[in-house]
Structures are given as structure tokens and as C-alpha cells.
Amino acid sequence: MNENTTAVILAILIFILYLLPTLLAFARDIPRRKAVTLLNIILGWTLIGWIVAFLWATLEATTPEEV
């Protein structure tokens, strides 16, 4: 593979990993997904901010579905 292709693929994977808490929050449809997104974008570059956003996205209860 070309070096540029490898760099682009690696950058995309890092970007997806960085936004993993946001993706999980939207996939799980938690009520405060916008707050998780803000925390992830603003403080996600720190390891503590990313861990807090990840735990928040995975541990918060989801919204009940209407029947």
C-alpha cells in the first residue's frame, strides 16, 4: 500500500476512536447525547475527558421506546 493511503486509513481510525463515545451515545439514543458530544469534542483530547464521556455514553440509561 502507498504511504499516503496508510496514513489516511490510520487518521480515519483514530478519528473514529476519538469520537467513539459520541457514536455510542447516538447509537444507544441516550437523553443527554448532545452533552456527551460536547464533552467528547471539548475534553476528549485529554484521556480523562475521553474516559468520562465513554463511561457516560455506555452507563446512562436509554430512553424508553413508546409502544
PDB file of N, CA and C in Angstrom:
ATOM      1  N   MET A   1       0.834  -1.185   0.000  1.00  0.00           N
ATOM      2  CA  MET A   1       0.000   0.000   0.000  1.00  0.00           C
ATOM      3  C   MET A   1       0.873   1.242   0.000  1.00  0.00           C
ATOM      4  N   ASN A   2       0.329   2.266  -0.541  1.00  0.00           N
ATOM      5  CA  ASN A   2       1.016   3.538  -0.577  1.00  0.00           C
ATOM      6  C   ASN A   2       1.089   4.139   0.828  1.00  0.00           C
ATOM      7  N   GLU A   3       2.147   4.895   1.108  1.00  0.00           N
ATOM      8  CA  GLU A   3       2.298   5.503   2.434  1.00  0.00           C
ATOM      9  C   GLU A   3       1.167   6.478   2.724  1.00  0.00           C
ATOM     10  N   ASN A   4       0.728   7.208   1.703  1.00  0.00           N
ATOM     11  CA  ASN A   4      -0.370   8.163   1.909  1.00  0.00           C
ATOM     12  C   ASN A   4      -1.673   7.451   2.231  1.00  0.00           C
ATOM     13  N   THR A   5      -1.917   6.329   1.586  1.00  0.00           N
ATOM     14  CA  THR A   5      -3.129   5.562   1.854  1.00  0.00           C
ATOM     15  C   THR A   5      -3.120   5.040   3.282  1.00  0.00           C
ATOM     16  N   THR A   6      -1.996   4.553   3.721  1.00  0.00           N
ATOM     17  CA  THR A   6      -1.868   4.057   5.090  1.00  0.00           C
ATOM     18  C   THR A   6      -2.095   5.185   6.093  1.00  0.00           C
ATOM     19  N   ALA A   7      -1.571   6.351   5.804  1.00  0.00           N
ATOM     20  CA  ALA A   7      -1.739   7.493   6.703  1.00  0.00           C
ATOM     21  C   ALA A   7      -3.200   7.924   6.776  1.00  0.00           C
ATOM     22  N   VAL A   8      -3.888   7.910   5.650  1.00  0.00           N
ATOM     23  CA  VAL A   8      -5.292   8.298   5.632  1.00  0.00           C
ATOM     24  C   VAL A   8      -6.137   7.284   6.396  1.00  0.00           C
ATOM     25  N   ILE A   9      -5.897   6.015   6.188  1.00  0.00           N
ATOM     26  CA  ILE A   9      -6.639   4.974   6.900  1.00  0.00           C
ATOM     27  C   ILE A   9      -6.386   5.079   8.401  1.00  0.00           C
ATOM     28  N   LEU A  10      -5.160   5.295   8.795  1.00  0.00           N
ATOM     29  CA  LEU A  10      -4.827   5.452  10.204  1.00  0.00           C
ATOM     30  C   LEU A  10      -5.505   6.684  10.799  1.00  0.00           C
ATOM     31  N   ALA A  11      -5.528   7.788  10.062  1.00  0.00           N
ATOM     32  CA  ALA A  11      -6.187   9.004  10.542  1.00  0.00           C
ATOM     33  C   ALA A  11      -7.681   8.786  10.722  1.00  0.00           C
ATOM     34  N   ILE A  12      -8.310   8.075   9.797  1.00  0.00           N
ATOM     35  CA  ILE A  12      -9.742   7.784   9.914  1.00  0.00           C
ATOM     36  C   ILE A  12     -10.022   6.912  11.133  1.00  0.00           C
ATOM     37  N   LEU A  13      -9.199   5.896  11.361  1.00  0.00           N
ATOM     38  CA  LEU A  13      -9.381   5.026  12.521  1.00  0.00           C
ATOM     39  C   LEU A  13      -9.202   5.785  13.831  1.00  0.00           C
ATOM     40  N   ILE A  14      -8.229   6.677  13.882  1.00  0.00           N
ATOM     41  CA  ILE A  14      -8.012   7.484  15.087  1.00  0.00           C
ATOM     42  C   ILE A  14      -9.204   8.410  15.317  1.00  0.00           C
ATOM     43  N   PHE A  15      -9.731   8.998  14.249  1.00  0.00           N
ATOM     44  CA  PHE A  15     -10.890   9.885  14.347  1.00  0.00           C
ATOM     45  C   PHE A  15     -12.114   9.121  14.857  1.00  0.00           C
ATOM     46  N   ILE A  16     -12.333   7.925  14.363  1.00  0.00           N
ATOM     47  CA  ILE A  16     -13.463   7.101  14.817  1.00  0.00           C
ATOM     48  C   ILE A  16     -13.282   6.727  16.285  1.00  0.00           C
ATOM     49  N   LEU A  17     -12.076   6.355  16.676  1.00  0.00           N
ATOM     50  CA  LEU A  17     -11.808   6.018  18.074  1.00  0.00           C
ATOM     51  C   LEU A  17     -12.016   7.230  18.973  1.00  0.00           C
ATOM     52  N   TYR A  18     -11.598   8.399  18.519  1.00  0.00           N
ATOM     53  CA  TYR A  18     -11.764   9.629  19.289  1.00  0.00           C
ATOM     54  C   TYR A  18     -13.250   9.936  19.508  1.00  0.00           C
ATOM     55  N   LEU A  19     -14.073   9.718  18.496  1.00  0.00           N
ATOM     56  CA  LEU A  19     -15.498  10.018  18.588  1.00  0.00           C
ATOM     57  C   LEU A  19     -16.345   8.821  19.030  1.00  0.00           C
ATOM     58  N   LEU A  20     -15.729   7.772  19.495  1.00  0.00           N
ATOM     59  CA  LEU A  20     -16.453   6.584  19.922  1.00  0.00           C
ATOM     60  C   LEU A  20     -17.514   6.874  20.986  1.00  0.00           C
ATOM     61  N   PRO A  21     -17.234   7.675  22.019  1.00  0.00           N
ATOM     62  CA  PRO A  21     -18.300   7.971  22.986  1.00  0.00           C
ATOM     63  C   PRO A  21     -19.509   8.660  22.343  1.00  0.00           C
ATOM     64  N   THR A  22     -19.261   9.564  21.427  1.00  0.00           N
ATOM     65  CA  THR A  22     -20.354  10.243  20.734  1.00  0.00           C
ATOM     66  C   THR A  22     -21.154   9.266  19.890  1.00  0.00           C
ATOM     67  N   LEU A  23     -20.470   8.406  19.164  1.00  0.00           N
ATOM     68  CA  LEU A  23     -21.146   7.422  18.330  1.00  0.00           C
ATOM     69  C   LEU A  23     -21.985   6.473  19.178  1.00  0.00           C
ATOM     70  N   LEU A  24     -21.449   6.064  20.323  1.00  0.00           N
ATOM     71  CA  LEU A  24     -22.205   5.185  21.222  1.00  0.00           C
ATOM     72  C   LEU A  24     -23.427   5.888  21.806  1.00  0.00           C
ATOM     73  N   ALA A  25     -23.263   7.155  22.169  1.00  0.00           N
ATOM     74  CA  ALA A  25     -24.384   7.899  22.742  1.00  0.00           C
ATOM     75  C   ALA A  25     -25.533   8.017  21.747  1.00  0.00           C
ATOM     76  N   PHE A  26     -25.217   8.287  20.489  1.00  0.00           N
ATOM     77  CA  PHE A  26     -26.269   8.391  19.483  1.00  0.00           C
ATOM     78  C   PHE A  26     -26.829   7.021  19.123  1.00  0.00           C
ATOM     79  N   ALA A  27     -26.002   6.004  19.100  1.00  0.00           N
ATOM     80  CA  ALA A  27     -26.479   4.663  18.773  1.00  0.00           C
ATOM     81  C   ALA A  27     -27.394   4.124  19.870  1.00  0.00           C
ATOM     82  N   ARG A  28     -27.087   4.439  21.129  1.00  0.00           N
ATOM     83  CA  ARG A  28     -27.907   3.971  22.249  1.00  0.00           C
ATOM     84  C   ARG A  28     -29.090   4.887  22.516  1.00  0.00           C
ATOM     85  N   ASP A  29     -29.130   6.053  21.870  1.00  0.00           N
ATOM     86  CA  ASP A  29     -30.222   7.017  21.994  1.00  0.00           C
ATOM     87  C   ASP A  29     -30.416   7.457  23.442  1.00  0.00           C
ATOM     88  N   ILE A  30     -29.319   7.866  24.079  1.00  0.00           N
ATOM     89  CA  ILE A  30     -29.423   8.344  25.454  1.00  0.00           C
ATOM     90  C   ILE A  30     -29.926   9.788  25.438  1.00  0.00           C
ATOM     91  N   PRO A  31     -30.629  10.197  26.490  1.00  0.00           N
ATOM     92  CA  PRO A  31     -31.233  11.537  26.501  1.00  0.00           C
ATOM     93  C   PRO A  31     -30.216  12.680  26.414  1.00  0.00           C
ATOM     94  N   ARG A  32     -29.062  12.546  27.014  1.00  0.00           N
ATOM     95  CA  ARG A  32     -28.078  13.627  27.037  1.00  0.00           C
ATOM     96  C   ARG A  32     -26.957  13.415  26.018  1.00  0.00           C
ATOM     97  N   ARG A  33     -27.291  12.919  24.846  1.00  0.00           N
ATOM     98  CA  ARG A  33     -26.262  12.631  23.853  1.00  0.00           C
ATOM     99  C   ARG A  33     -25.561  13.886  23.352  1.00  0.00           C
ATOM    100  N   LYS A  34     -26.250  15.029  23.360  1.00  0.00           N
ATOM    101  CA  LYS A  34     -25.599  16.275  22.945  1.00  0.00           C
ATOM    102  C   LYS A  34     -24.549  16.707  23.962  1.00  0.00           C
ATOM    103  N   ALA A  35     -24.828  16.492  25.235  1.00  0.00           N
ATOM    104  CA  ALA A  35     -23.859  16.830  26.280  1.00  0.00           C
ATOM    105  C   ALA A  35     -22.633  15.921  26.192  1.00  0.00           C
ATOM    106  N   VAL A  36     -22.866  14.649  25.913  1.00  0.00           N
ATOM    107  CA  VAL A  36     -21.757  13.712  25.732  1.00  0.00           C
ATOM    108  C   VAL A  36     -20.908  14.140  24.544  1.00  0.00           C
ATOM    109  N   THR A  37     -21.565  14.569  23.475  1.00  0.00           N
ATOM    110  CA  THR A  37     -20.846  15.033  22.291  1.00  0.00           C
ATOM    111  C   THR A  37     -19.990  16.242  22.609  1.00  0.00           C
ATOM    112  N   LEU A  38     -20.545  17.213  23.320  1.00  0.00           N
ATOM    113  CA  LEU A  38     -19.774  18.398  23.686  1.00  0.00           C
ATOM    114  C   LEU A  38     -18.575  18.036  24.562  1.00  0.00           C
ATOM    115  N   LEU A  39     -18.803  17.191  25.550  1.00  0.00           N
ATOM    116  CA  LEU A  39     -17.707  16.765  26.414  1.00  0.00           C
ATOM    117  C   LEU A  39     -16.636  16.047  25.609  1.00  0.00           C
ATOM    118  N   ASN A  40     -17.065  15.187  24.704  1.00  0.00           N
ATOM    119  CA  ASN A  40     -16.125  14.426  23.892  1.00  0.00           C
ATOM    120  C   ASN A  40     -15.295  15.335  22.991  1.00  0.00           C
ATOM    121  N   ILE A  41     -15.935  16.319  22.377  1.00  0.00           N
ATOM    122  CA  ILE A  41     -15.220  17.206  21.463  1.00  0.00           C
ATOM    123  C   ILE A  41     -14.301  18.160  22.219  1.00  0.00           C
ATOM    124  N   ILE A  42     -14.803  18.721  23.337  1.00  0.00           N
ATOM    125  CA  ILE A  42     -14.024  19.734  24.059  1.00  0.00           C
ATOM    126  C   ILE A  42     -12.923  19.115  24.908  1.00  0.00           C
ATOM    127  N   LEU A  43     -13.225  18.049  25.652  1.00  0.00           N
ATOM    128  CA  LEU A  43     -12.235  17.478  26.570  1.00  0.00           C
ATOM    129  C   LEU A  43     -11.775  16.077  26.185  1.00  0.00           C
ATOM    130  N   GLY A  44     -12.207  15.599  25.031  1.00  0.00           N
ATOM    131  CA  GLY A  44     -11.835  14.253  24.622  1.00  0.00           C
ATOM    132  C   GLY A  44     -10.353  14.079  24.362  1.00  0.00           C
ATOM    133  N   TRP A  45      -9.663  15.182  24.067  1.00  0.00           N
ATOM    134  CA  TRP A  45      -8.227  15.079  23.802  1.00  0.00           C
ATOM    135  C   TRP A  45      -7.442  14.718  25.055  1.00  0.00           C
ATOM    136  N   THR A  46      -8.054  14.984  26.229  1.00  0.00           N
ATOM    137  CA  THR A  46      -7.425  14.518  27.467  1.00  0.00           C
ATOM    138  C   THR A  46      -7.943  13.104  27.711  1.00  0.00           C
ATOM    139  N   LEU A  47      -7.147  12.282  28.227  1.00  0.00           N
ATOM    140  CA  LEU A  47      -7.572  10.903  28.464  1.00  0.00           C
ATOM    141  C   LEU A  47      -8.725  10.841  29.460  1.00  0.00           C
ATOM    142  N   ILE A  48      -8.684  11.692  30.473  1.00  0.00           N
ATOM    143  CA  ILE A  48      -9.740  11.699  31.489  1.00  0.00           C
ATOM    144  C   ILE A  48     -11.067  12.127  30.877  1.00  0.00           C
ATOM    145  N   GLY A  49     -11.056  13.159  30.047  1.00  0.00           N
ATOM    146  CA  GLY A  49     -12.279  13.614  29.394  1.00  0.00           C
ATOM    147  C   GLY A  49     -12.874  12.554  28.488  1.00  0.00           C
ATOM    148  N   TRP A  50     -12.022  11.828  27.780  1.00  0.00           N
ATOM    149  CA  TRP A  50     -12.499  10.777  26.881  1.00  0.00           C
ATOM    150  C   TRP A  50     -13.106   9.630  27.690  1.00  0.00           C
ATOM    151  N   ILE A  51     -12.455   9.255  28.787  1.00  0.00           N
ATOM    152  CA  ILE A  51     -12.960   8.160  29.622  1.00  0.00           C
ATOM    153  C   ILE A  51     -14.302   8.540  30.245  1.00  0.00           C
ATOM    154  N   VAL A  52     -14.431   9.769  30.735  1.00  0.00           N
ATOM    155  CA  VAL A  52     -15.692  10.224  31.319  1.00  0.00           C
ATOM    156  C   VAL A  52     -16.795  10.196  30.269  1.00  0.00           C
ATOM    157  N   ALA A  53     -16.518  10.690  29.069  1.00  0.00           N
ATOM    158  CA  ALA A  53     -17.519  10.678  28.002  1.00  0.00           C
ATOM    159  C   ALA A  53     -17.886   9.248  27.614  1.00  0.00           C
ATOM    160  N   PHE A  54     -16.902   8.372  27.566  1.00  0.00           N
ATOM    161  CA  PHE A  54     -17.156   6.969  27.216  1.00  0.00           C
ATOM    162  C   PHE A  54     -18.030   6.290  28.270  1.00  0.00           C
ATOM    163  N   LEU A  55     -17.690   6.489  29.534  1.00  0.00           N
ATOM    164  CA  LEU A  55     -18.495   5.891  30.615  1.00  0.00           C
ATOM    165  C   LEU A  55     -19.897   6.466  30.640  1.00  0.00           C
ATOM    166  N   TRP A  56     -20.014   7.758  30.418  1.00  0.00           N
ATOM    167  CA  TRP A  56     -21.316   8.403  30.401  1.00  0.00           C
ATOM    168  C   TRP A  56     -22.172   7.826  29.267  1.00  0.00           C
ATOM    169  N   ALA A  57     -21.566   7.634  28.118  1.00  0.00           N
ATOM    170  CA  ALA A  57     -22.307   7.122  26.964  1.00  0.00           C
ATOM    171  C   ALA A  57     -22.702   5.663  27.132  1.00  0.00           C
ATOM    172  N   THR A  58     -21.904   4.909  27.860  1.00  0.00           N
ATOM    173  CA  THR A  58     -22.199   3.485  27.993  1.00  0.00           C
ATOM    174  C   THR A  58     -23.039   3.144  29.220  1.00  0.00           C
ATOM    175  N   LEU A  59     -22.971   3.949  30.269  1.00  0.00           N
ATOM    176  CA  LEU A  59     -23.654   3.604  31.509  1.00  0.00           C
ATOM    177  C   LEU A  59     -24.999   4.293  31.702  1.00  0.00           C
ATOM    178  N   GLU A  60     -25.260   5.374  30.978  1.00  0.00           N
ATOM    179  CA  GLU A  60     -26.537   6.065  31.156  1.00  0.00           C
ATOM    180  C   GLU A  60     -27.674   5.246  30.564  1.00  0.00           C
ATOM    181  N   ALA A  61     -28.808   5.319  31.234  1.00  0.00           N
ATOM    182  CA  ALA A  61     -29.982   4.582  30.759  1.00  0.00           C
ATOM    183  C   ALA A  61     -30.491   5.174  29.452  1.00  0.00           C
ATOM    184  N   THR A  62     -30.980   4.325  28.605  1.00  0.00           N
ATOM    185  CA  THR A  62     -31.514   4.780  27.320  1.00  0.00           C
ATOM    186  C   THR A  62     -32.941   5.263  27.484  1.00  0.00           C
ATOM    187  N   THR A  63     -33.411   5.988  26.500  1.00  0.00           N
ATOM    188  CA  THR A  63     -34.795   6.474  26.561  1.00  0.00           C
ATOM    189  C   THR A  63     -35.736   5.305  26.272  1.00  0.00           C
ATOM    190  N   PRO A  64     -36.817   5.223  27.039  1.00  0.00           N
ATOM    191  CA  PRO A  64     -37.768   4.119  26.794  1.00  0.00           C
ATOM    192  C   PRO A  64     -38.485   4.326  25.458  1.00  0.00           C
ATOM    193  N   GLU A  65     -38.685   3.236  24.755  1.00  0.00           N
ATOM    194  CA  GLU A  65     -39.376   3.309  23.479  1.00  0.00           C
ATOM    195  C   GLU A  65     -40.874   3.301  23.713  1.00  0.00           C
ATOM    196  N   GLU A  66     -41.572   4.140  22.943  1.00  0.00           N
ATOM    197  CA  GLU A  66     -43.023   4.193  23.061  1.00  0.00           C
ATOM    198  C   GLU A  66     -43.640   3.079  22.218  1.00  0.00           C
ATOM    199  N   VAL A  67     -44.678   2.489  22.776  1.00  0.00           N
ATOM    200  CA  VAL A  67     -45.339   1.383  22.077  1.00  0.00           C
ATOM    201  C   VAL A  67     -46.579   1.860  21.373  1.00  0.00           C
TER     202      VAL A  67
END
